Amino acid sequence: MTIAEFESYAMNITLTIFMLWMAAIIWKLGKESGGGKWAYISLSLALGMGFVGFVAKIVLVEFVLDVG
């Protein structure tokens, strides 16, 4: 395994763990806000769009554009 391969794997694993941690924070904020179901849904959608963008970038670069 080269250094570049290790860095690529480490970055993907670390960012995935970070995204799961952020999802837990979003869930906790939604539960503690007391705003009800719609507040939780809007909070999840607004803050979850960053996750969607990150995953879409990986899909585009790795599979669709075949750059990596």
C-alpha atoms as a PDB file:
ATOM      1  CA  MET A   1       0.000   0.000   0.000  1.00  0.00           C
ATOM      2  CA  THR A   2       1.394   3.354  -1.031  1.00  0.00           C
ATOM      3  CA  ILE A   3       1.139   6.525   0.987  1.00  0.00           C
ATOM      4  CA  ALA A   4      -1.397   7.954  -1.476  1.00  0.00           C
ATOM      5  CA  GLU A   5      -3.642   4.902  -1.123  1.00  0.00           C
ATOM      6  CA  PHE A   6      -3.429   5.065   2.659  1.00  0.00           C
ATOM      7  CA  GLU A   7      -4.275   8.768   2.635  1.00  0.00           C
ATOM      8  CA  SER A   8      -7.257   8.142   0.365  1.00  0.00           C
ATOM      9  CA  TYR A   9      -8.630   5.366   2.579  1.00  0.00           C
ATOM     10  CA  ALA A  10      -7.950   7.308   5.775  1.00  0.00           C
ATOM     11  CA  MET A  11      -9.680  10.417   4.418  1.00  0.00           C
ATOM     12  CA  ASN A  12     -12.783   8.500   3.349  1.00  0.00           C
ATOM     13  CA  ILE A  13     -13.019   6.591   6.632  1.00  0.00           C
ATOM     14  CA  THR A  14     -12.438   9.702   8.740  1.00  0.00           C
ATOM     15  CA  LEU A  15     -14.984  11.775   6.839  1.00  0.00           C
ATOM     16  CA  THR A  16     -17.544   8.976   7.033  1.00  0.00           C
ATOM     17  CA  ILE A  17     -17.120   8.808  10.813  1.00  0.00           C
ATOM     18  CA  PHE A  18     -17.400  12.603  10.994  1.00  0.00           C
ATOM     19  CA  MET A  19     -20.594  12.545   8.901  1.00  0.00           C
ATOM     20  CA  LEU A  20     -22.144   9.919  11.194  1.00  0.00           C
ATOM     21  CA  TRP A  21     -21.211  12.018  14.211  1.00  0.00           C
ATOM     22  CA  MET A  22     -22.795  15.099  12.600  1.00  0.00           C
ATOM     23  CA  ALA A  23     -25.940  13.064  11.842  1.00  0.00           C
ATOM     24  CA  ALA A  24     -26.132  12.176  15.532  1.00  0.00           C
ATOM     25  CA  ILE A  25     -25.822  15.860  16.406  1.00  0.00           C
ATOM     26  CA  ILE A  26     -28.609  16.745  13.950  1.00  0.00           C
ATOM     27  CA  TRP A  27     -30.809  14.032  15.462  1.00  0.00           C
ATOM     28  CA  LYS A  28     -30.100  15.297  18.990  1.00  0.00           C
ATOM     29  CA  LEU A  29     -30.857  18.904  18.000  1.00  0.00           C
ATOM     30  CA  GLY A  30     -34.112  17.806  16.409  1.00  0.00           C
ATOM     31  CA  LYS A  31     -35.182  15.904  19.507  1.00  0.00           C
ATOM     32  CA  GLU A  32     -34.234  18.665  21.935  1.00  0.00           C
ATOM     33  CA  SER A  33     -35.698  21.536  19.898  1.00  0.00           C
ATOM     34  CA  GLY A  34     -39.252  20.703  20.922  1.00  0.00           C
ATOM     35  CA  GLY A  35     -40.500  21.979  17.587  1.00  0.00           C
ATOM     36  CA  GLY A  36     -42.283  18.834  16.594  1.00  0.00           C
ATOM     37  CA  LYS A  37     -42.100  16.634  13.550  1.00  0.00           C
ATOM     38  CA  TRP A  38     -41.846  19.402  10.933  1.00  0.00           C
ATOM     39  CA  ALA A  39     -39.047  21.196  12.736  1.00  0.00           C
ATOM     40  CA  TYR A  40     -37.080  17.950  12.902  1.00  0.00           C
ATOM     41  CA  ILE A  41     -37.690  17.247   9.204  1.00  0.00           C
ATOM     42  CA  SER A  42     -36.670  20.757   8.111  1.00  0.00           C
ATOM     43  CA  LEU A  43     -33.573  20.660  10.339  1.00  0.00           C
ATOM     44  CA  SER A  44     -32.565  17.296   8.923  1.00  0.00           C
ATOM     45  CA  LEU A  45     -33.103  18.433   5.342  1.00  0.00           C
ATOM     46  CA  ALA A  46     -31.256  21.727   5.743  1.00  0.00           C
ATOM     47  CA  LEU A  47     -28.243  20.319   7.545  1.00  0.00           C
ATOM     48  CA  GLY A  48     -28.291  17.034   5.645  1.00  0.00           C
ATOM     49  CA  MET A  49     -27.774  18.717   2.272  1.00  0.00           C
ATOM     50  CA  GLY A  50     -24.046  18.933   3.012  1.00  0.00           C
ATOM     51  CA  PHE A  51     -23.943  15.163   3.382  1.00  0.00           C
ATOM     52  CA  VAL A  52     -25.754  14.726   0.087  1.00  0.00           C
ATOM     53  CA  GLY A  53     -23.258  17.003  -1.649  1.00  0.00           C
ATOM     54  CA  PHE A  54     -20.296  15.090  -0.242  1.00  0.00           C
ATOM     55  CA  VAL A  55     -21.696  11.716  -1.293  1.00  0.00           C
ATOM     56  CA  ALA A  56     -22.666  13.052  -4.732  1.00  0.00           C
ATOM     57  CA  LYS A  57     -19.107  14.294  -5.258  1.00  0.00           C
ATOM     58  CA  ILE A  58     -17.684  10.877  -4.427  1.00  0.00           C
ATOM     59  CA  VAL A  59     -20.135   9.154  -6.766  1.00  0.00           C
ATOM     60  CA  LEU A  60     -19.420  11.573  -9.607  1.00  0.00           C
ATOM     61  CA  VAL A  61     -15.645  11.498  -9.307  1.00  0.00           C
ATOM     62  CA  GLU A  62     -15.188   7.791  -8.664  1.00  0.00           C
ATOM     63  CA  PHE A  63     -17.897   6.181 -10.782  1.00  0.00           C
ATOM     64  CA  VAL A  64     -19.387   8.554 -13.353  1.00  0.00           C
ATOM     65  CA  LEU A  65     -16.366  10.597 -14.445  1.00  0.00           C
ATOM     66  CA  ASP A  66     -13.873   7.797 -13.721  1.00  0.00           C
ATOM     67  CA  VAL A  67     -11.169  10.283 -12.714  1.00  0.00           C
ATOM     68  CA  GLY A  68      -9.859   8.547  -9.587  1.00  0.00           C
END
